[in-house]
N, C-alpha and C. Protein backbone atom coordinates (compact mmCIF):
# COMPACT_ATOMS: atom_id res chain seq x y z
N VAL A 1 -27.54 -56.70 -13.10
CA VAL A 1 -27.29 -57.01 -14.63
C VAL A 1 -26.23 -56.49 -15.52
N GLN A 2 -24.74 -56.58 -15.46
CA GLN A 2 -24.10 -56.09 -16.61
C GLN A 2 -24.26 -56.25 -18.41
N LEU A 3 -24.19 -54.78 -18.66
CA LEU A 3 -24.28 -54.63 -20.11
C LEU A 3 -23.06 -54.38 -20.93
N GLN A 4 -22.37 -55.10 -21.71
CA GLN A 4 -21.36 -54.54 -22.23
C GLN A 4 -21.89 -54.76 -24.21
N ALA A 5 -21.44 -53.17 -24.76
CA ALA A 5 -21.60 -53.82 -26.11
C ALA A 5 -20.58 -53.81 -26.39
N PHE A 6 -20.42 -53.51 -27.82
CA PHE A 6 -19.09 -53.42 -28.95
C PHE A 6 -19.66 -54.40 -30.66
N GLY A 7 -18.89 -54.08 -31.40
CA GLY A 7 -19.16 -53.73 -33.01
C GLY A 7 -19.47 -52.47 -33.54
N GLY A 8 -19.10 -51.61 -32.87
CA GLY A 8 -19.09 -50.08 -33.22
C GLY A 8 -18.13 -50.02 -34.30
N GLY A 9 -18.26 -48.82 -35.14
CA GLY A 9 -17.20 -48.89 -35.96
C GLY A 9 -16.85 -47.69 -37.67
N LEU A 10 -15.97 -47.26 -37.91
CA LEU A 10 -15.89 -46.53 -39.44
C LEU A 10 -16.90 -47.62 -40.76
N VAL A 11 -17.94 -46.82 -41.10
CA VAL A 11 -18.10 -47.31 -41.96
C VAL A 11 -19.26 -46.44 -42.90
N GLN A 12 -19.01 -47.11 -44.57
CA GLN A 12 -19.24 -45.96 -45.47
C GLN A 12 -20.77 -45.82 -45.56
N ALA A 13 -21.63 -45.21 -45.91
CA ALA A 13 -23.08 -45.02 -46.53
C ALA A 13 -23.55 -46.08 -47.42
N GLY A 14 -24.47 -46.60 -47.04
CA GLY A 14 -25.05 -47.73 -47.46
C GLY A 14 -24.81 -49.23 -47.45
N ASP A 15 -23.25 -49.03 -46.26
CA ASP A 15 -22.86 -50.39 -45.67
C ASP A 15 -23.78 -51.18 -44.49
N SER A 16 -23.59 -52.12 -44.20
CA SER A 16 -24.22 -52.64 -42.87
C SER A 16 -23.27 -53.08 -41.92
N LEU A 17 -23.36 -52.98 -40.58
CA LEU A 17 -22.58 -53.30 -39.20
C LEU A 17 -23.55 -53.76 -38.46
N ARG A 18 -23.07 -54.71 -37.60
CA ARG A 18 -23.81 -55.37 -36.69
C ARG A 18 -23.32 -54.82 -34.86
N LEU A 19 -24.13 -54.71 -33.88
CA LEU A 19 -23.67 -54.54 -32.91
C LEU A 19 -23.88 -55.49 -31.92
N SER A 20 -23.69 -55.91 -30.94
CA SER A 20 -23.78 -57.17 -30.10
C SER A 20 -23.81 -56.22 -28.41
N CYS A 21 -24.20 -56.69 -27.66
CA CYS A 21 -24.15 -56.77 -26.67
C CYS A 21 -24.70 -57.78 -25.48
N ALA A 22 -23.75 -58.20 -24.40
CA ALA A 22 -23.39 -59.26 -24.10
C ALA A 22 -24.42 -59.02 -22.60
N ALA A 23 -24.95 -59.55 -22.02
CA ALA A 23 -25.99 -59.21 -20.78
C ALA A 23 -25.66 -60.31 -19.87
N SER A 24 -24.66 -60.06 -18.30
CA SER A 24 -24.86 -60.67 -17.20
C SER A 24 -25.74 -60.45 -16.14
N GLY A 25 -25.24 -61.40 -15.77
CA GLY A 25 -26.08 -61.15 -13.80
C GLY A 25 -27.58 -62.36 -13.99
N ARG A 26 -27.71 -62.66 -13.40
CA ARG A 26 -28.97 -63.32 -12.90
C ARG A 26 -30.20 -63.69 -13.91
N THR A 27 -30.57 -62.29 -13.50
CA THR A 27 -32.01 -62.01 -14.44
C THR A 27 -31.85 -61.61 -15.53
N ALA A 28 -30.51 -61.43 -16.40
CA ALA A 28 -30.55 -61.00 -16.99
C ALA A 28 -31.46 -61.48 -18.40
N HIS A 29 -31.47 -62.50 -18.71
CA HIS A 29 -32.18 -63.24 -19.72
C HIS A 29 -33.79 -62.90 -19.69
N SER A 30 -33.84 -62.35 -18.38
CA SER A 30 -35.74 -62.03 -18.16
C SER A 30 -35.88 -60.55 -18.84
N TYR A 31 -35.22 -59.82 -19.12
CA TYR A 31 -35.36 -58.78 -19.23
C TYR A 31 -35.60 -58.82 -20.84
N ALA A 32 -36.35 -57.39 -21.29
CA ALA A 32 -36.37 -57.05 -22.51
C ALA A 32 -35.16 -56.21 -22.48
N MET A 33 -34.47 -55.93 -23.91
CA MET A 33 -33.17 -55.58 -24.58
C MET A 33 -33.60 -54.82 -25.72
N GLY A 34 -32.96 -53.47 -25.19
CA GLY A 34 -32.80 -52.71 -26.52
C GLY A 34 -31.92 -51.78 -26.54
N TRP A 35 -31.76 -50.82 -27.54
CA TRP A 35 -30.83 -50.12 -28.16
C TRP A 35 -31.08 -48.87 -28.19
N PHE A 36 -30.47 -48.04 -28.05
CA PHE A 36 -30.45 -45.92 -28.25
C PHE A 36 -29.61 -45.43 -28.74
N ARG A 37 -29.57 -44.80 -29.41
CA ARG A 37 -28.58 -43.62 -29.87
C ARG A 37 -28.61 -42.59 -29.60
N GLN A 38 -27.29 -42.12 -29.45
CA GLN A 38 -27.48 -40.76 -29.39
C GLN A 38 -26.34 -39.59 -29.95
N ALA A 39 -26.43 -39.23 -31.13
CA ALA A 39 -25.86 -37.89 -31.45
C ALA A 39 -25.46 -37.08 -30.85
N PRO A 40 -23.69 -35.95 -31.78
CA PRO A 40 -23.57 -34.80 -31.19
C PRO A 40 -24.38 -33.70 -30.90
N GLY A 41 -24.81 -33.63 -29.12
CA GLY A 41 -25.44 -32.60 -29.32
C GLY A 41 -27.19 -33.00 -29.24
N THR A 42 -27.44 -33.99 -29.25
CA THR A 42 -29.19 -34.78 -29.10
C THR A 42 -29.27 -35.30 -28.12
N GLU A 43 -30.81 -35.66 -27.27
CA GLU A 43 -30.68 -36.63 -26.75
C GLU A 43 -30.69 -37.59 -27.10
N ARG A 44 -30.36 -38.85 -25.73
CA ARG A 44 -30.45 -40.19 -26.70
C ARG A 44 -32.23 -40.57 -26.82
N ALA A 45 -31.90 -41.75 -27.85
CA ALA A 45 -33.10 -41.78 -28.47
C ALA A 45 -33.26 -43.11 -28.42
N PHE A 46 -34.32 -43.73 -28.64
CA PHE A 46 -35.39 -45.00 -28.65
C PHE A 46 -34.47 -45.43 -29.95
N VAL A 47 -33.79 -46.90 -30.11
CA VAL A 47 -33.67 -47.36 -32.01
C VAL A 47 -34.61 -48.50 -32.00
N GLY A 48 -34.63 -49.51 -30.47
CA GLY A 48 -35.50 -50.39 -31.18
C GLY A 48 -35.39 -51.85 -29.83
N ALA A 49 -36.14 -52.55 -29.61
CA ALA A 49 -36.05 -52.98 -28.64
C ALA A 49 -36.75 -54.81 -29.04
N ILE A 50 -36.49 -55.76 -27.93
CA ILE A 50 -37.07 -56.81 -28.33
C ILE A 50 -37.24 -57.77 -27.06
N SER A 51 -38.25 -58.28 -26.91
CA SER A 51 -38.65 -58.66 -25.58
C SER A 51 -37.76 -60.04 -25.01
N TRP A 52 -38.24 -60.65 -24.06
CA TRP A 52 -37.40 -61.31 -23.67
C TRP A 52 -36.98 -62.86 -23.97
N SER A 53 -38.45 -63.08 -24.66
CA SER A 53 -38.40 -64.36 -25.50
C SER A 53 -38.32 -64.19 -26.97
N GLY A 54 -38.02 -62.59 -27.48
CA GLY A 54 -37.44 -62.58 -28.49
C GLY A 54 -38.62 -62.52 -29.50
N GLY A 55 -40.07 -62.81 -29.39
CA GLY A 55 -41.25 -62.68 -29.77
C GLY A 55 -41.99 -61.46 -30.35
N SER A 56 -41.39 -60.69 -29.40
CA SER A 56 -41.74 -59.13 -30.02
C SER A 56 -40.38 -58.15 -30.18
N THR A 57 -40.50 -57.59 -31.28
CA THR A 57 -39.98 -56.29 -31.63
C THR A 57 -40.35 -54.62 -31.53
N SER A 58 -39.83 -54.19 -31.47
CA SER A 58 -40.17 -52.24 -32.17
C SER A 58 -39.22 -51.80 -32.28
N TYR A 59 -39.79 -50.63 -33.52
CA TYR A 59 -38.58 -49.83 -33.15
C TYR A 59 -38.62 -48.81 -34.12
N SER A 60 -38.10 -47.44 -34.20
CA SER A 60 -38.38 -46.18 -34.20
C SER A 60 -38.63 -46.06 -35.63
N ASP A 61 -39.29 -45.08 -35.80
CA ASP A 61 -39.32 -45.14 -37.71
C ASP A 61 -38.37 -44.79 -37.82
N SER A 62 -37.10 -43.88 -37.82
CA SER A 62 -35.97 -43.76 -38.13
C SER A 62 -35.15 -45.29 -39.14
N VAL A 63 -35.88 -45.93 -37.98
CA VAL A 63 -34.76 -47.52 -38.44
C VAL A 63 -35.38 -48.20 -39.39
N LYS A 64 -36.60 -48.61 -38.47
CA LYS A 64 -37.71 -49.23 -39.04
C LYS A 64 -37.32 -49.78 -40.72
N GLY A 65 -37.07 -50.96 -41.05
CA GLY A 65 -37.35 -51.75 -41.83
C GLY A 65 -35.76 -51.61 -42.93
N ARG A 66 -34.87 -50.95 -41.52
CA ARG A 66 -33.20 -51.20 -41.95
C ARG A 66 -32.18 -52.11 -40.69
N PHE A 67 -32.96 -51.87 -39.86
CA PHE A 67 -32.38 -52.18 -38.54
C PHE A 67 -33.21 -53.44 -37.97
N THR A 68 -32.05 -54.61 -37.62
CA THR A 68 -32.88 -56.11 -36.57
C THR A 68 -32.44 -55.89 -35.56
N ILE A 69 -32.89 -56.39 -34.75
CA ILE A 69 -32.78 -56.95 -33.57
C ILE A 69 -33.32 -58.36 -33.34
N SER A 70 -32.06 -59.02 -32.68
CA SER A 70 -32.85 -60.61 -32.41
C SER A 70 -31.79 -60.48 -31.07
N ARG A 71 -31.80 -61.49 -30.97
CA ARG A 71 -31.17 -62.06 -29.23
C ARG A 71 -31.28 -63.66 -29.37
N ASP A 72 -30.22 -63.79 -28.46
CA ASP A 72 -29.61 -65.09 -28.53
C ASP A 72 -29.52 -65.65 -26.87
N ASN A 73 -30.73 -66.12 -26.24
CA ASN A 73 -30.82 -66.13 -24.51
C ASN A 73 -29.59 -67.13 -24.07
N ALA A 74 -29.38 -68.02 -25.33
CA ALA A 74 -28.40 -69.27 -24.81
C ALA A 74 -26.94 -68.46 -24.13
N LYS A 75 -27.11 -67.43 -24.90
CA LYS A 75 -25.60 -66.87 -25.11
C LYS A 75 -25.42 -65.24 -24.16
N ASN A 76 -26.70 -64.91 -23.83
CA ASN A 76 -27.38 -63.88 -22.57
C ASN A 76 -26.75 -62.67 -24.27
N THR A 77 -27.01 -62.94 -25.20
CA THR A 77 -26.44 -61.53 -26.52
C THR A 77 -27.82 -61.20 -27.11
N VAL A 78 -27.48 -59.62 -27.36
CA VAL A 78 -28.70 -59.23 -28.32
C VAL A 78 -27.99 -58.31 -29.25
N TYR A 79 -28.17 -58.55 -30.51
CA TYR A 79 -28.03 -57.81 -31.37
C TYR A 79 -28.28 -56.64 -32.05
N LEU A 80 -27.67 -56.24 -33.09
CA LEU A 80 -28.14 -55.01 -33.30
C LEU A 80 -27.83 -55.31 -34.94
N GLN A 81 -28.63 -55.92 -35.75
CA GLN A 81 -27.80 -55.73 -37.39
C GLN A 81 -28.49 -54.37 -38.00
N MET A 82 -27.52 -53.52 -38.49
CA MET A 82 -28.14 -52.11 -39.00
C MET A 82 -27.17 -52.70 -40.82
N ASN A 83 -28.25 -51.67 -41.52
CA ASN A 83 -28.63 -52.10 -42.97
C ASN A 83 -28.54 -51.11 -43.73
N SER A 84 -27.72 -50.78 -44.69
CA SER A 84 -28.70 -48.88 -45.45
C SER A 84 -28.32 -48.28 -44.39
N LEU A 85 -26.70 -48.42 -43.94
CA LEU A 85 -26.40 -47.23 -43.05
C LEU A 85 -26.32 -46.07 -43.87
N LYS A 86 -26.98 -44.49 -43.11
CA LYS A 86 -27.31 -43.77 -43.37
C LYS A 86 -25.68 -42.82 -41.93
N PHE A 87 -25.67 -41.38 -43.61
CA PHE A 87 -24.88 -40.66 -42.38
C PHE A 87 -25.83 -40.13 -41.18
N GLU A 88 -26.37 -39.93 -40.72
CA GLU A 88 -28.06 -39.66 -39.94
C GLU A 88 -27.70 -40.62 -38.77
N ASP A 89 -27.50 -41.99 -39.24
CA ASP A 89 -27.24 -43.08 -38.31
C ASP A 89 -25.97 -42.59 -37.07
N THR A 90 -24.68 -41.67 -37.50
CA THR A 90 -23.47 -41.95 -36.69
C THR A 90 -24.13 -41.18 -35.61
N ALA A 91 -24.26 -42.56 -34.49
CA ALA A 91 -24.01 -42.01 -33.57
C ALA A 91 -23.58 -42.86 -32.38
N VAL A 92 -23.45 -42.64 -30.92
CA VAL A 92 -23.27 -43.55 -29.86
C VAL A 92 -24.18 -44.38 -29.45
N TYR A 93 -23.81 -45.64 -30.00
CA TYR A 93 -24.99 -46.59 -29.53
C TYR A 93 -25.10 -47.07 -28.19
N TYR A 94 -25.73 -46.96 -27.68
CA TYR A 94 -25.75 -47.91 -25.99
C TYR A 94 -27.05 -48.91 -26.11
N CYS A 95 -26.75 -50.14 -25.29
CA CYS A 95 -28.11 -51.40 -24.94
C CYS A 95 -28.62 -51.04 -23.89
N ALA A 96 -29.58 -51.41 -23.62
CA ALA A 96 -30.21 -51.71 -22.18
C ALA A 96 -31.27 -52.34 -21.86
N ALA A 97 -31.49 -52.95 -20.44
CA ALA A 97 -32.05 -54.01 -20.26
C ALA A 97 -33.40 -53.61 -19.30
N GLY A 98 -34.52 -54.00 -19.31
CA GLY A 98 -35.71 -53.92 -18.31
C GLY A 98 -36.92 -53.98 -19.06
N PRO A 99 -38.07 -53.93 -18.88
CA PRO A 99 -38.99 -54.41 -19.17
C PRO A 99 -39.64 -53.67 -20.28
N TRP A 100 -40.33 -54.29 -20.68
CA TRP A 100 -40.87 -54.27 -22.27
C TRP A 100 -41.88 -52.78 -21.88
N PRO A 101 -42.23 -52.15 -22.95
CA PRO A 101 -41.94 -51.95 -24.03
C PRO A 101 -40.61 -51.37 -24.58
N LYS A 102 -40.58 -50.21 -23.46
CA LYS A 102 -38.96 -49.61 -23.43
C LYS A 102 -37.87 -50.25 -22.22
N PRO A 103 -36.67 -50.83 -22.49
CA PRO A 103 -35.96 -51.33 -21.63
C PRO A 103 -35.07 -50.33 -21.53
N HIS A 104 -34.51 -49.56 -20.09
CA HIS A 104 -33.97 -48.54 -19.79
C HIS A 104 -33.37 -49.11 -18.44
N ARG A 105 -33.73 -49.81 -17.74
CA ARG A 105 -33.25 -49.98 -16.53
C ARG A 105 -31.53 -49.79 -16.57
N TYR A 106 -31.46 -50.59 -16.89
CA TYR A 106 -30.11 -51.21 -17.23
C TYR A 106 -29.42 -50.77 -18.41
N TRP A 107 -27.64 -49.74 -18.49
CA TRP A 107 -27.11 -49.43 -19.46
C TRP A 107 -25.88 -50.00 -19.57
N GLY A 108 -26.03 -50.03 -20.70
CA GLY A 108 -24.06 -50.44 -21.13
C GLY A 108 -23.47 -49.60 -21.27
N GLN A 109 -22.07 -49.76 -21.87
CA GLN A 109 -21.10 -48.37 -22.05
C GLN A 109 -21.60 -48.71 -23.44
N GLY A 110 -21.29 -47.25 -24.22
CA GLY A 110 -21.46 -47.39 -25.57
C GLY A 110 -20.84 -47.56 -26.32
N THR A 111 -20.76 -47.65 -28.08
CA THR A 111 -20.27 -47.98 -29.02
C THR A 111 -20.22 -47.21 -30.45
N LEU A 112 -19.43 -46.60 -30.51
CA LEU A 112 -19.33 -45.20 -31.68
C LEU A 112 -19.50 -45.98 -32.82
N VAL A 113 -20.55 -45.72 -33.66
CA VAL A 113 -20.69 -45.64 -34.93
C VAL A 113 -20.33 -44.81 -35.61
N THR A 114 -19.34 -44.39 -37.20
CA THR A 114 -19.73 -43.17 -37.82
C THR A 114 -19.94 -43.83 -39.00
N VAL A 115 -20.59 -43.25 -39.62
CA VAL A 115 -21.48 -43.34 -40.70
C VAL A 115 -20.62 -42.63 -41.90
N SER A 116 -20.21 -42.15 -42.81
CA SER A 116 -18.96 -41.54 -43.90
C SER A 116 -20.16 -41.03 -44.93
N SER A 117 -20.66 -40.40 -45.58
CA SER A 117 -21.24 -39.87 -46.61
C SER A 117 -20.41 -39.74 -47.66
């Protein structure tokens, strides 16, 4: 499974941003998909995940209520809609695929999100 994330950028606190992750490979659609992030000097942390069907989602407490994960299996793409962004959301965001509930078997390259305060 190959993953490619894009959509990062520089935004102001309170703004919204949507990340996308395109998956390819024969079995890509059968995996849960997730987002992780890594801020400078910290370990990579779970952000959220969505089951292969899209029927189940989970989020870290730090983003619950602000971030939404969705997927379009016809396009083999998963999205991370980020609203009410905070300075502390600044990080490199990685998409991943694998077994539910913490999919991290396959990784894409990161995309940088910078939130200015």
